[in-house]
Amino acid sequence: MIIFIQTTYPRISVARLTLSRLLHWGDTNCPIYIGLALQDRCPEAESDVLTQLVPQSESSCLDSIRLVVSEPGDWASELSTQLLHVKRIEESKHICLFLDDFYLTEPLDYLTLNDYFQYASEHTIRYLSLVKQRRSIWGELYTQAVNILDRERGIAEYTDTHYPCALQAAIWDIDYLCELLKTASQPWQFERQPALHVHYVVKFTVVRYIHIVEKNSLRYESLRYFRSTEQFTELRLVRESRRKALIDKLKCLKFQLVGYLFSK
């Protein structure tokens, strides 16, 4: 299994926080690749980036962290270059893709994650979301009723028509991901484009996390996960307002009640 996290130089402090959580609860035998675009690609610059990325408390795990550096470009071209480089190194067709602000809220079950990774590889699955698909409360009740006798972990077809290529934590076929990246230069464009093959999603969430950053602001609800104000200060981000957090909660409540029924 291979985990890949893409970040940018201005967001190294965010990636550092996410990485520290992965290493603290992680499996040091699992390689973690960090994708980054750098203008200066000399060994000294790359070494400096690694020093900034890996917390001192987790320095013993440094051997499992590998930096993949590409030339600066748009989001899609950088990610595609980095992923193809990893594919050449690992000779793996699949990757477990995380964004740099996926802050784990529970320990990661590496054994289960690895089982899904192997399953995706063996069954030529091109996309497998590791987060249960969002549904309204009525959709969730219907799903539970249909699967009332099916309590085993498994996968189902991903049917979200608003975000067919959602950038949640997911297992991707690298070639397929790179193919999709050719037609979308930015993340919001990427998530909205139609899938070219059947996408799948786990029935039970495997990776539990919170997005700690939205539009370069620290999300208000993420503050409770920080152990100290120093961690917040290190991020050098503007804190999201309570008003914005309340609006997001109301949107979430609306989705719970009616799903995408009245969404644009």
C-alpha atoms as a PDB file:
ATOM      1  CA  MET A   1       0.000   0.000   0.000  1.00  0.00           C
ATOM      2  CA  ILE A   2       1.169   3.510  -0.827  1.00  0.00           C
ATOM      3  CA  ILE A   3      -0.135   6.783   0.608  1.00  0.00           C
ATOM      4  CA  PHE A   4       0.301   9.984  -1.380  1.00  0.00           C
ATOM      5  CA  ILE A   5      -0.251  13.514  -0.044  1.00  0.00           C
ATOM      6  CA  GLN A   6      -0.024  16.529  -2.310  1.00  0.00           C
ATOM      7  CA  THR A   7       0.799  19.909  -0.824  1.00  0.00           C
ATOM      8  CA  THR A   8       2.321  23.262  -1.767  1.00  0.00           C
ATOM      9  CA  TYR A   9       5.192  25.165  -0.200  1.00  0.00           C
ATOM     10  CA  PRO A  10       2.916  27.805   1.443  1.00  0.00           C
ATOM     11  CA  ARG A  11       0.896  24.959   3.022  1.00  0.00           C
ATOM     12  CA  ILE A  12       3.780  22.950   4.454  1.00  0.00           C
ATOM     13  CA  SER A  13       2.618  23.751   7.992  1.00  0.00           C
ATOM     14  CA  VAL A  14      -0.799  22.246   7.157  1.00  0.00           C
ATOM     15  CA  ALA A  15       0.748  19.118   5.622  1.00  0.00           C
ATOM     16  CA  ARG A  16       3.040  18.805   8.647  1.00  0.00           C
ATOM     17  CA  LEU A  17       0.042  18.638  10.969  1.00  0.00           C
ATOM     18  CA  THR A  18      -1.690  16.015   8.813  1.00  0.00           C
ATOM     19  CA  LEU A  19       1.512  14.004   8.469  1.00  0.00           C
ATOM     20  CA  SER A  20       2.166  14.048  12.213  1.00  0.00           C
ATOM     21  CA  ARG A  21      -1.244  12.467  12.762  1.00  0.00           C
ATOM     22  CA  LEU A  22      -0.575   9.775  10.161  1.00  0.00           C
ATOM     23  CA  LEU A  23       2.822   8.955  11.641  1.00  0.00           C
ATOM     24  CA  HIS A  24       1.546   8.966  15.210  1.00  0.00           C
ATOM     25  CA  TRP A  25      -1.199   6.464  14.398  1.00  0.00           C
ATOM     26  CA  GLY A  26       0.483   4.884  11.435  1.00  0.00           C
ATOM     27  CA  ASP A  27       2.446   1.965  10.117  1.00  0.00           C
ATOM     28  CA  THR A  28       6.062   2.922   9.458  1.00  0.00           C
ATOM     29  CA  ASN A  29       6.293   0.090   6.899  1.00  0.00           C
ATOM     30  CA  CYS A  30       3.860   1.939   4.651  1.00  0.00           C
ATOM     31  CA  PRO A  31       5.610   4.444   2.364  1.00  0.00           C
ATOM     32  CA  ILE A  32       4.144   7.946   2.459  1.00  0.00           C
ATOM     33  CA  TYR A  33       4.931  10.137  -0.536  1.00  0.00           C
ATOM     34  CA  ILE A  34       4.657  13.920  -0.310  1.00  0.00           C
ATOM     35  CA  GLY A  35       4.128  15.635  -3.657  1.00  0.00           C
ATOM     36  CA  LEU A  36       5.430  19.197  -3.897  1.00  0.00           C
ATOM     37  CA  ALA A  37       6.385  21.670  -6.629  1.00  0.00           C
ATOM     38  CA  LEU A  38       9.652  23.521  -6.085  1.00  0.00           C
ATOM     39  CA  GLN A  39      11.424  26.073  -8.216  1.00  0.00           C
ATOM     40  CA  ASP A  40      14.743  25.170  -6.606  1.00  0.00           C
ATOM     41  CA  ARG A  41      15.080  21.377  -6.823  1.00  0.00           C
ATOM     42  CA  CYS A  42      18.567  21.005  -5.362  1.00  0.00           C
ATOM     43  CA  PRO A  43      19.141  18.346  -2.635  1.00  0.00           C
ATOM     44  CA  GLU A  44      19.595  21.039   0.019  1.00  0.00           C
ATOM     45  CA  ALA A  45      16.169  22.540  -0.734  1.00  0.00           C
ATOM     46  CA  GLU A  46      14.483  19.127  -0.629  1.00  0.00           C
ATOM     47  CA  SER A  47      16.218  18.277   2.647  1.00  0.00           C
ATOM     48  CA  ASP A  48      14.995  21.558   4.116  1.00  0.00           C
ATOM     49  CA  VAL A  49      11.414  20.726   3.089  1.00  0.00           C
ATOM     50  CA  LEU A  50      11.599  17.313   4.761  1.00  0.00           C
ATOM     51  CA  THR A  51      12.891  18.932   7.943  1.00  0.00           C
ATOM     52  CA  GLN A  52       9.892  21.265   7.939  1.00  0.00           C
ATOM     53  CA  LEU A  53       7.434  18.473   7.161  1.00  0.00           C
ATOM     54  CA  VAL A  54       8.379  15.854   9.727  1.00  0.00           C
ATOM     55  CA  PRO A  55       7.782  16.790  13.388  1.00  0.00           C
ATOM     56  CA  GLN A  56      10.751  16.254  15.698  1.00  0.00           C
ATOM     57  CA  SER A  57       8.674  13.815  17.764  1.00  0.00           C
ATOM     58  CA  GLU A  58       8.241  11.596  14.688  1.00  0.00           C
ATOM     59  CA  SER A  59      11.784  11.859  13.293  1.00  0.00           C
ATOM     60  CA  SER A  60      12.275   8.111  13.768  1.00  0.00           C
ATOM     61  CA  CYS A  61       9.741   7.606  10.943  1.00  0.00           C
ATOM     62  CA  LEU A  62      11.726   9.703   8.485  1.00  0.00           C
ATOM     63  CA  ASP A  63      12.691   6.660   6.403  1.00  0.00           C
ATOM     64  CA  SER A  64       9.055   6.058   5.448  1.00  0.00           C
ATOM     65  CA  ILE A  65       8.630   9.616   4.083  1.00  0.00           C
ATOM     66  CA  ARG A  66       9.591  10.220   0.459  1.00  0.00           C
ATOM     67  CA  LEU A  67       9.474  13.596  -1.230  1.00  0.00           C
ATOM     68  CA  VAL A  68       8.392  13.798  -4.888  1.00  0.00           C
ATOM     69  CA  VAL A  69       9.294  17.151  -6.413  1.00  0.00           C
ATOM     70  CA  SER A  70       8.007  18.526  -9.701  1.00  0.00           C
ATOM     71  CA  GLU A  71       8.282  21.743 -11.667  1.00  0.00           C
ATOM     72  CA  PRO A  72       5.750  24.446 -10.687  1.00  0.00           C
ATOM     73  CA  GLY A  73       2.596  24.477 -12.808  1.00  0.00           C
ATOM     74  CA  ASP A  74      -1.137  24.263 -12.296  1.00  0.00           C
ATOM     75  CA  TRP A  75      -2.576  21.874  -9.714  1.00  0.00           C
ATOM     76  CA  ALA A  76      -3.396  19.122 -12.196  1.00  0.00           C
ATOM     77  CA  SER A  77      -0.072  19.094 -14.066  1.00  0.00           C
ATOM     78  CA  GLU A  78       1.906  19.050 -10.810  1.00  0.00           C
ATOM     79  CA  LEU A  79      -0.137  16.176  -9.389  1.00  0.00           C
ATOM     80  CA  SER A  80       0.030  14.150 -12.601  1.00  0.00           C
ATOM     81  CA  THR A  81       3.825  14.490 -12.838  1.00  0.00           C
ATOM     82  CA  GLN A  82       4.275  13.518  -9.197  1.00  0.00           C
ATOM     83  CA  LEU A  83       1.980  10.484  -9.425  1.00  0.00           C
ATOM     84  CA  LEU A  84       3.667   9.089 -12.531  1.00  0.00           C
ATOM     85  CA  HIS A  85       7.016   9.440 -10.759  1.00  0.00           C
ATOM     86  CA  VAL A  86       5.695   7.403  -7.810  1.00  0.00           C
ATOM     87  CA  LYS A  87       4.347   4.781 -10.216  1.00  0.00           C
ATOM     88  CA  ARG A  88       7.802   4.351 -11.730  1.00  0.00           C
ATOM     89  CA  ILE A  89       9.438   4.017  -8.310  1.00  0.00           C
ATOM     90  CA  GLU A  90       6.944   1.640  -6.709  1.00  0.00           C
ATOM     91  CA  GLU A  91       5.753  -0.220  -9.811  1.00  0.00           C
ATOM     92  CA  SER A  92       2.242   0.076  -8.412  1.00  0.00           C
ATOM     93  CA  LYS A  93      -0.871   0.795 -10.468  1.00  0.00           C
ATOM     94  CA  HIS A  94      -2.778   2.215  -7.486  1.00  0.00           C
ATOM     95  CA  ILE A  95      -2.303   4.956  -4.935  1.00  0.00           C
ATOM     96  CA  CYS A  96      -4.131   6.024  -1.781  1.00  0.00           C
ATOM     97  CA  LEU A  97      -4.616   9.771  -2.282  1.00  0.00           C
ATOM     98  CA  PHE A  98      -4.958  12.191   0.638  1.00  0.00           C
ATOM     99  CA  LEU A  99      -5.139  15.968   0.533  1.00  0.00           C
ATOM    100  CA  ASP A 100      -2.784  17.887   2.793  1.00  0.00           C
ATOM    101  CA  ASP A 101      -5.535  19.050   5.170  1.00  0.00           C
ATOM    102  CA  PHE A 102      -6.999  15.617   5.990  1.00  0.00           C
ATOM    103  CA  TYR A 103      -6.541  15.751   9.768  1.00  0.00           C
ATOM    104  CA  LEU A 104      -7.309  12.318  11.229  1.00  0.00           C
ATOM    105  CA  THR A 105      -9.836  12.308  14.065  1.00  0.00           C
ATOM    106  CA  GLU A 106      -9.471   8.586  14.817  1.00  0.00           C
ATOM    107  CA  PRO A 107      -6.585   6.094  14.496  1.00  0.00           C
ATOM    108  CA  LEU A 108      -6.175   4.768  10.990  1.00  0.00           C
ATOM    109  CA  ASP A 109      -6.904   1.052  10.576  1.00  0.00           C
ATOM    110  CA  TYR A 110      -4.001   0.178   8.287  1.00  0.00           C
ATOM    111  CA  LEU A 111      -4.944  -3.497   8.038  1.00  0.00           C
ATOM    112  CA  THR A 112      -8.416  -2.710   6.723  1.00  0.00           C
ATOM    113  CA  LEU A 113      -7.066   0.026   4.459  1.00  0.00           C
ATOM    114  CA  ASN A 114      -4.492  -2.363   3.040  1.00  0.00           C
ATOM    115  CA  ASP A 115      -7.207  -4.987   2.414  1.00  0.00           C
ATOM    116  CA  TYR A 116      -9.175  -2.487   0.326  1.00  0.00           C
ATOM    117  CA  PHE A 117      -5.997  -1.444  -1.477  1.00  0.00           C
ATOM    118  CA  GLN A 118      -5.249  -5.047  -2.427  1.00  0.00           C
ATOM    119  CA  TYR A 119      -8.859  -5.617  -3.451  1.00  0.00           C
ATOM    120  CA  ALA A 120      -8.836  -2.550  -5.722  1.00  0.00           C
ATOM    121  CA  SER A 121      -5.571  -3.699  -7.308  1.00  0.00           C
ATOM    122  CA  GLU A 122      -6.776  -7.253  -7.909  1.00  0.00           C
ATOM    123  CA  HIS A 123     -10.183  -6.258  -9.313  1.00  0.00           C
ATOM    124  CA  THR A 124      -9.052  -3.374 -11.545  1.00  0.00           C
ATOM    125  CA  ILE A 125     -11.065  -0.804  -9.605  1.00  0.00           C
ATOM    126  CA  ARG A 126     -10.224   2.674 -10.802  1.00  0.00           C
ATOM    127  CA  TYR A 127     -11.727   4.685  -7.932  1.00  0.00           C
ATOM    128  CA  LEU A 128     -12.694   3.572  -4.447  1.00  0.00           C
ATOM    129  CA  SER A 129     -13.715   6.273  -1.968  1.00  0.00           C
ATOM    130  CA  LEU A 130     -12.697   5.420   1.591  1.00  0.00           C
ATOM    131  CA  VAL A 131     -15.433   7.638   3.046  1.00  0.00           C
ATOM    132  CA  LYS A 132     -19.059   6.523   3.104  1.00  0.00           C
ATOM    133  CA  GLN A 133     -21.172   8.389   0.571  1.00  0.00           C
ATOM    134  CA  ARG A 134     -23.108  11.388   1.917  1.00  0.00           C
ATOM    135  CA  ARG A 135     -26.870  10.910   1.920  1.00  0.00           C
ATOM    136  CA  SER A 136     -29.906  12.602   3.404  1.00  0.00           C
ATOM    137  CA  ILE A 137     -31.367  10.953   6.507  1.00  0.00           C
ATOM    138  CA  TRP A 138     -34.046   9.408   4.267  1.00  0.00           C
ATOM    139  CA  GLY A 139     -31.483   8.046   1.851  1.00  0.00           C
ATOM    140  CA  GLU A 140     -29.504   6.648   4.752  1.00  0.00           C
ATOM    141  CA  LEU A 141     -32.580   4.954   6.230  1.00  0.00           C
ATOM    142  CA  TYR A 142     -33.383   3.410   2.841  1.00  0.00           C
ATOM    143  CA  THR A 143     -29.809   2.148   2.463  1.00  0.00           C
ATOM    144  CA  GLN A 144     -29.859   0.602   5.926  1.00  0.00           C
ATOM    145  CA  ALA A 145     -33.197  -1.057   5.212  1.00  0.00           C
ATOM    146  CA  VAL A 146     -31.924  -2.550   1.961  1.00  0.00           C
ATOM    147  CA  ASN A 147     -28.709  -3.759   3.604  1.00  0.00           C
ATOM    148  CA  ILE A 148     -30.240  -4.768   6.936  1.00  0.00           C
ATOM    149  CA  LEU A 149     -28.854  -8.291   6.626  1.00  0.00           C
ATOM    150  CA  ASP A 150     -25.550  -7.164   5.127  1.00  0.00           C
ATOM    151  CA  ARG A 151     -23.326  -6.147   8.037  1.00  0.00           C
ATOM    152  CA  GLU A 152     -19.993  -7.073   6.503  1.00  0.00           C
ATOM    153  CA  ARG A 153     -17.614  -4.525   5.152  1.00  0.00           C
ATOM    154  CA  GLY A 154     -17.852  -4.138   1.417  1.00  0.00           C
ATOM    155  CA  ILE A 155     -18.144  -1.689  -1.444  1.00  0.00           C
ATOM    156  CA  ALA A 156     -20.996  -0.262  -3.490  1.00  0.00           C
ATOM    157  CA  GLU A 157     -21.302   1.786  -6.651  1.00  0.00           C
ATOM    158  CA  TYR A 158     -20.652   5.501  -6.075  1.00  0.00           C
ATOM    159  CA  THR A 159     -23.716   7.428  -7.241  1.00  0.00           C
ATOM    160  CA  ASP A 160     -23.022  11.066  -6.289  1.00  0.00           C
ATOM    161  CA  THR A 161     -23.869  12.979  -9.474  1.00  0.00           C
ATOM    162  CA  HIS A 162     -22.814  16.373  -8.060  1.00  0.00           C
ATOM    163  CA  TYR A 163     -19.247  15.323  -7.256  1.00  0.00           C
ATOM    164  CA  PRO A 164     -18.524  12.233  -9.393  1.00  0.00           C
ATOM    165  CA  CYS A 165     -14.756  12.557  -8.827  1.00  0.00           C
ATOM    166  CA  ALA A 166     -14.789  13.657  -5.192  1.00  0.00           C
ATOM    167  CA  LEU A 167     -11.386  14.368  -3.689  1.00  0.00           C
ATOM    168  CA  GLN A 168     -12.088  12.513  -0.472  1.00  0.00           C
ATOM    169  CA  ALA A 169      -9.540  10.005   0.796  1.00  0.00           C
ATOM    170  CA  ALA A 170      -9.659   7.370  -1.934  1.00  0.00           C
ATOM    171  CA  ILE A 171      -7.786   4.627  -3.727  1.00  0.00           C
ATOM    172  CA  TRP A 172      -7.113   5.561  -7.347  1.00  0.00           C
ATOM    173  CA  ASP A 173      -5.776   3.802 -10.396  1.00  0.00           C
ATOM    174  CA  ILE A 174      -2.877   6.138 -11.201  1.00  0.00           C
ATOM    175  CA  ASP A 175      -3.275   6.057 -14.993  1.00  0.00           C
ATOM    176  CA  TYR A 176      -7.009   6.710 -14.708  1.00  0.00           C
ATOM    177  CA  LEU A 177      -6.455   9.597 -12.301  1.00  0.00           C
ATOM    178  CA  CYS A 178      -3.881  11.147 -14.633  1.00  0.00           C
ATOM    179  CA  GLU A 179      -6.325  10.786 -17.530  1.00  0.00           C
ATOM    180  CA  LEU A 180      -8.969  12.744 -15.609  1.00  0.00           C
ATOM    181  CA  LEU A 181      -6.423  15.398 -14.638  1.00  0.00           C
ATOM    182  CA  LYS A 182      -5.916  16.270 -18.312  1.00  0.00           C
ATOM    183  CA  THR A 183      -9.356  17.901 -18.476  1.00  0.00           C
ATOM    184  CA  ALA A 184      -9.400  19.799 -15.160  1.00  0.00           C
ATOM    185  CA  SER A 185      -6.677  22.188 -14.009  1.00  0.00           C
ATOM    186  CA  GLN A 186      -8.203  22.959 -10.585  1.00  0.00           C
ATOM    187  CA  PRO A 187      -9.673  20.750  -7.813  1.00  0.00           C
ATOM    188  CA  TRP A 188     -13.217  22.176  -8.039  1.00  0.00           C
ATOM    189  CA  GLN A 189     -13.277  21.459 -11.790  1.00  0.00           C
ATOM    190  CA  PHE A 190     -11.903  17.991 -11.226  1.00  0.00           C
ATOM    191  CA  GLU A 191     -14.560  16.975  -8.693  1.00  0.00           C
ATOM    192  CA  ARG A 192     -17.429  18.076 -10.933  1.00  0.00           C
ATOM    193  CA  GLN A 193     -16.350  16.315 -14.126  1.00  0.00           C
ATOM    194  CA  PRO A 194     -18.119  13.072 -15.112  1.00  0.00           C
ATOM    195  CA  ALA A 195     -16.488   9.738 -14.335  1.00  0.00           C
ATOM    196  CA  LEU A 196     -15.154   7.733 -17.269  1.00  0.00           C
ATOM    197  CA  HIS A 197     -15.618   4.386 -15.514  1.00  0.00           C
ATOM    198  CA  VAL A 198     -17.687   2.998 -12.653  1.00  0.00           C
ATOM    199  CA  HIS A 199     -16.661   4.487  -9.304  1.00  0.00           C
ATOM    200  CA  TYR A 200     -17.040   2.669  -5.994  1.00  0.00           C
ATOM    201  CA  VAL A 201     -17.353   3.636  -2.341  1.00  0.00           C
ATOM    202  CA  VAL A 202     -16.949   1.738   0.917  1.00  0.00           C
ATOM    203  CA  LYS A 203     -20.131   0.913   2.846  1.00  0.00           C
ATOM    204  CA  PHE A 204     -18.440   1.844   6.124  1.00  0.00           C
ATOM    205  CA  THR A 205     -16.007   4.760   6.432  1.00  0.00           C
ATOM    206  CA  VAL A 206     -12.392   3.582   6.641  1.00  0.00           C
ATOM    207  CA  VAL A 207     -10.590   6.906   7.119  1.00  0.00           C
ATOM    208  CA  ARG A 208     -12.136   9.369   9.574  1.00  0.00           C
ATOM    209  CA  TYR A 209     -10.832  12.907   9.292  1.00  0.00           C
ATOM    210  CA  ILE A 210     -11.826  16.532   9.110  1.00  0.00           C
ATOM    211  CA  HIS A 211     -10.880  19.106   6.478  1.00  0.00           C
ATOM    212  CA  ILE A 212      -9.053  21.678   8.561  1.00  0.00           C
ATOM    213  CA  VAL A 213      -8.677  24.297   5.795  1.00  0.00           C
ATOM    214  CA  GLU A 214     -11.218  25.802   3.449  1.00  0.00           C
ATOM    215  CA  LYS A 215     -10.370  28.651   1.054  1.00  0.00           C
ATOM    216  CA  ASN A 216      -7.154  29.372   2.973  1.00  0.00           C
ATOM    217  CA  SER A 217      -9.003  29.740   6.284  1.00  0.00           C
ATOM    218  CA  LEU A 218      -8.816  27.423   9.265  1.00  0.00           C
ATOM    219  CA  ARG A 219     -12.257  25.877   9.659  1.00  0.00           C
ATOM    220  CA  TYR A 220     -13.900  26.843  12.931  1.00  0.00           C
ATOM    221  CA  GLU A 221     -14.987  23.296  13.783  1.00  0.00           C
ATOM    222  CA  SER A 222     -11.407  22.032  13.487  1.00  0.00           C
ATOM    223  CA  LEU A 223     -10.161  24.160  16.418  1.00  0.00           C
ATOM    224  CA  ARG A 224     -11.318  21.631  18.997  1.00  0.00           C
ATOM    225  CA  TYR A 225      -8.856  19.064  17.635  1.00  0.00           C
ATOM    226  CA  PHE A 226      -5.777  21.136  18.394  1.00  0.00           C
ATOM    227  CA  ARG A 227      -3.963  20.411  21.632  1.00  0.00           C
ATOM    228  CA  SER A 228      -2.613  23.929  22.036  1.00  0.00           C
ATOM    229  CA  THR A 229      -2.773  27.431  20.593  1.00  0.00           C
ATOM    230  CA  GLU A 230       0.795  26.929  19.337  1.00  0.00           C
ATOM    231  CA  GLN A 231      -0.446  24.415  16.780  1.00  0.00           C
ATOM    232  CA  PHE A 232      -2.934  26.943  15.457  1.00  0.00           C
ATOM    233  CA  THR A 233      -0.279  29.679  15.370  1.00  0.00           C
ATOM    234  CA  GLU A 234       2.076  27.441  13.366  1.00  0.00           C
ATOM    235  CA  LEU A 235      -0.479  27.217  10.546  1.00  0.00           C
ATOM    236  CA  ARG A 236      -0.424  30.978   9.974  1.00  0.00           C
ATOM    237  CA  LEU A 237      -3.998  30.916   8.729  1.00  0.00           C
ATOM    238  CA  VAL A 238      -6.957  33.201   9.298  1.00  0.00           C
ATOM    239  CA  ARG A 239      -9.534  31.574  11.528  1.00  0.00           C
ATOM    240  CA  GLU A 240     -12.943  31.004   9.948  1.00  0.00           C
ATOM    241  CA  SER A 241     -15.661  33.179  11.467  1.00  0.00           C
ATOM    242  CA  ARG A 242     -18.419  31.765  13.644  1.00  0.00           C
ATOM    243  CA  ARG A 243     -20.939  33.168  11.172  1.00  0.00           C
ATOM    244  CA  LYS A 244     -19.400  31.184   8.312  1.00  0.00           C
ATOM    245  CA  ALA A 245     -19.301  28.059  10.511  1.00  0.00           C
ATOM    246  CA  LEU A 246     -22.998  28.514  11.371  1.00  0.00           C
ATOM    247  CA  ILE A 247     -23.942  28.912   7.707  1.00  0.00           C
ATOM    248  CA  ASP A 248     -22.047  25.695   6.878  1.00  0.00           C
ATOM    249  CA  LYS A 249     -23.877  23.851   9.663  1.00  0.00           C
ATOM    250  CA  LEU A 250     -27.234  25.046   8.319  1.00  0.00           C
ATOM    251  CA  LYS A 251     -26.268  23.860   4.833  1.00  0.00           C
ATOM    252  CA  CYS A 252     -25.309  20.500   6.295  1.00  0.00           C
ATOM    253  CA  LEU A 253     -28.662  20.289   8.101  1.00  0.00           C
ATOM    254  CA  LYS A 254     -30.481  21.142   4.871  1.00  0.00           C
ATOM    255  CA  PHE A 255     -28.604  18.366   3.083  1.00  0.00           C
ATOM    256  CA  GLN A 256     -29.503  15.924   5.860  1.00  0.00           C
ATOM    257  CA  LEU A 257     -33.168  16.732   5.354  1.00  0.00           C
ATOM    258  CA  VAL A 258     -33.492  16.984   1.578  1.00  0.00           C
ATOM    259  CA  GLY A 259     -30.173  15.819   0.098  1.00  0.00           C
ATOM    260  CA  TYR A 260     -29.447  17.410  -3.288  1.00  0.00           C
ATOM    261  CA  LEU A 261     -33.161  17.930  -4.025  1.00  0.00           C
ATOM    262  CA  PHE A 262     -33.021  21.750  -3.961  1.00  0.00           C
ATOM    263  CA  SER A 263     -29.322  22.183  -4.690  1.00  0.00           C
ATOM    264  CA  LYS A 264     -28.129  23.979  -7.778  1.00  0.00           C
END
